[in-house]
Amino acid sequence: MSTAAIGEQRQTTLPADISEAAGLKPGDQVDWRFEDGEIRGRKLSRPRWTKAQALRAIEQSPLRFTASWEQLKEETR
């Protein structure tokens, strides 16, 4: 059995054997639920974008720089 304490701000650290068994890595998200008197966590899968999908999202984004990187550096000095 693996145990972990709950801190004052309701935070805890998963034991290494549990996180390894679940395949959890830093940055992964876990969906927590309370069911049948038990706390259950489920690893959420991260959507993986292809390079083409990422470039398309950047092109379609309304958040674009209108200046070059060099111009931005000069303006912020």
C-alpha atoms as a PDB file:
ATOM      1  CA  MET A   1       0.000   0.000   0.000  1.00  0.00           C
ATOM      2  CA  SER A   2       1.268   3.493  -0.867  1.00  0.00           C
ATOM      3  CA  THR A   3       0.286   6.437   1.298  1.00  0.00           C
ATOM      4  CA  ALA A   4       0.615  10.202   1.007  1.00  0.00           C
ATOM      5  CA  ALA A   5      -0.345  13.055   3.332  1.00  0.00           C
ATOM      6  CA  ILE A   6      -2.681  15.907   2.416  1.00  0.00           C
ATOM      7  CA  GLY A   7      -1.188  19.362   3.056  1.00  0.00           C
ATOM      8  CA  GLU A   8      -2.934  22.444   4.410  1.00  0.00           C
ATOM      9  CA  GLN A   9      -3.883  23.569   0.902  1.00  0.00           C
ATOM     10  CA  ARG A  10      -5.249  20.088   0.044  1.00  0.00           C
ATOM     11  CA  GLN A  11      -2.175  19.221  -2.001  1.00  0.00           C
ATOM     12  CA  THR A  12      -0.475  15.860  -2.071  1.00  0.00           C
ATOM     13  CA  THR A  13       2.332  14.115  -3.904  1.00  0.00           C
ATOM     14  CA  LEU A  14       1.565  10.858  -5.634  1.00  0.00           C
ATOM     15  CA  PRO A  15       3.870   8.043  -4.609  1.00  0.00           C
ATOM     16  CA  ALA A  16       6.425   7.232  -7.321  1.00  0.00           C
ATOM     17  CA  ASP A  17       5.194   3.639  -7.771  1.00  0.00           C
ATOM     18  CA  ILE A  18       1.631   4.840  -8.387  1.00  0.00           C
ATOM     19  CA  SER A  19       2.558   7.591 -10.846  1.00  0.00           C
ATOM     20  CA  GLU A  20       4.900   5.231 -12.717  1.00  0.00           C
ATOM     21  CA  ALA A  21       2.265   2.490 -12.882  1.00  0.00           C
ATOM     22  CA  ALA A  22      -0.229   5.022 -14.301  1.00  0.00           C
ATOM     23  CA  GLY A  23       2.334   6.360 -16.779  1.00  0.00           C
ATOM     24  CA  LEU A  24       2.051   9.882 -15.394  1.00  0.00           C
ATOM     25  CA  LYS A  25       4.655  12.471 -16.336  1.00  0.00           C
ATOM     26  CA  PRO A  26       5.115  16.118 -15.300  1.00  0.00           C
ATOM     27  CA  GLY A  27       2.484  18.243 -17.039  1.00  0.00           C
ATOM     28  CA  ASP A  28      -0.060  15.416 -17.374  1.00  0.00           C
ATOM     29  CA  GLN A  29      -3.581  16.141 -16.175  1.00  0.00           C
ATOM     30  CA  VAL A  30      -5.670  13.898 -13.944  1.00  0.00           C
ATOM     31  CA  ASP A  31      -9.472  13.921 -13.734  1.00  0.00           C
ATOM     32  CA  TRP A  32     -10.459  13.335 -10.079  1.00  0.00           C
ATOM     33  CA  ARG A  33     -13.772  11.851  -8.940  1.00  0.00           C
ATOM     34  CA  PHE A  34     -15.292  10.640  -5.689  1.00  0.00           C
ATOM     35  CA  GLU A  35     -17.294   7.461  -6.339  1.00  0.00           C
ATOM     36  CA  ASP A  36     -18.534   4.749  -4.005  1.00  0.00           C
ATOM     37  CA  GLY A  37     -16.550   6.166  -1.089  1.00  0.00           C
ATOM     38  CA  GLU A  38     -13.268   6.174  -3.038  1.00  0.00           C
ATOM     39  CA  ILE A  39     -11.192   8.912  -4.636  1.00  0.00           C
ATOM     40  CA  ARG A  40     -10.395   7.921  -8.202  1.00  0.00           C
ATOM     41  CA  GLY A  41      -8.056   9.609 -10.634  1.00  0.00           C
ATOM     42  CA  ARG A  42      -7.943   9.095 -14.390  1.00  0.00           C
ATOM     43  CA  LYS A  43      -5.116  10.284 -16.607  1.00  0.00           C
ATOM     44  CA  LEU A  44      -6.407  12.558 -19.341  1.00  0.00           C
ATOM     45  CA  SER A  45      -4.896  12.064 -22.744  1.00  0.00           C
ATOM     46  CA  ARG A  46      -3.274  15.090 -24.306  1.00  0.00           C
ATOM     47  CA  PRO A  47      -4.183  15.784 -27.889  1.00  0.00           C
ATOM     48  CA  ARG A  48      -1.095  15.509 -30.058  1.00  0.00           C
ATOM     49  CA  TRP A  49      -0.940  17.918 -32.973  1.00  0.00           C
ATOM     50  CA  THR A  50       0.919  17.249 -36.147  1.00  0.00           C
ATOM     51  CA  LYS A  51       3.275  19.946 -37.405  1.00  0.00           C
ATOM     52  CA  ALA A  52       0.734  20.835 -40.116  1.00  0.00           C
ATOM     53  CA  GLN A  53      -2.049  21.215 -37.532  1.00  0.00           C
ATOM     54  CA  ALA A  54       0.107  23.449 -35.343  1.00  0.00           C
ATOM     55  CA  LEU A  55       1.105  25.669 -38.270  1.00  0.00           C
ATOM     56  CA  ARG A  56      -2.528  25.931 -39.413  1.00  0.00           C
ATOM     57  CA  ALA A  57      -3.609  26.954 -35.899  1.00  0.00           C
ATOM     58  CA  ILE A  58      -0.910  29.627 -35.803  1.00  0.00           C
ATOM     59  CA  GLU A  59      -1.947  30.964 -39.218  1.00  0.00           C
ATOM     60  CA  GLN A  60      -5.623  31.113 -38.197  1.00  0.00           C
ATOM     61  CA  SER A  61      -4.959  32.689 -34.805  1.00  0.00           C
ATOM     62  CA  PRO A  62      -6.103  36.302 -34.388  1.00  0.00           C
ATOM     63  CA  LEU A  63      -3.093  36.802 -32.095  1.00  0.00           C
ATOM     64  CA  ARG A  64      -0.408  37.679 -34.593  1.00  0.00           C
ATOM     65  CA  PHE A  65       2.615  39.874 -34.392  1.00  0.00           C
ATOM     66  CA  THR A  66       2.707  42.461 -37.142  1.00  0.00           C
ATOM     67  CA  ALA A  67       6.341  43.294 -36.527  1.00  0.00           C
ATOM     68  CA  SER A  68       9.441  41.181 -36.965  1.00  0.00           C
ATOM     69  CA  TRP A  69      11.251  39.727 -33.974  1.00  0.00           C
ATOM     70  CA  GLU A  70      14.011  42.300 -34.410  1.00  0.00           C
ATOM     71  CA  GLN A  71      11.482  45.169 -34.415  1.00  0.00           C
ATOM     72  CA  LEU A  72       9.847  43.833 -31.250  1.00  0.00           C
ATOM     73  CA  LYS A  73      13.202  43.611 -29.493  1.00  0.00           C
ATOM     74  CA  GLU A  74      14.012  47.214 -30.442  1.00  0.00           C
ATOM     75  CA  GLU A  75      10.602  48.489 -29.271  1.00  0.00           C
ATOM     76  CA  THR A  76      10.911  46.848 -25.870  1.00  0.00           C
ATOM     77  CA  ARG A  77      14.424  48.071 -25.039  1.00  0.00           C
END
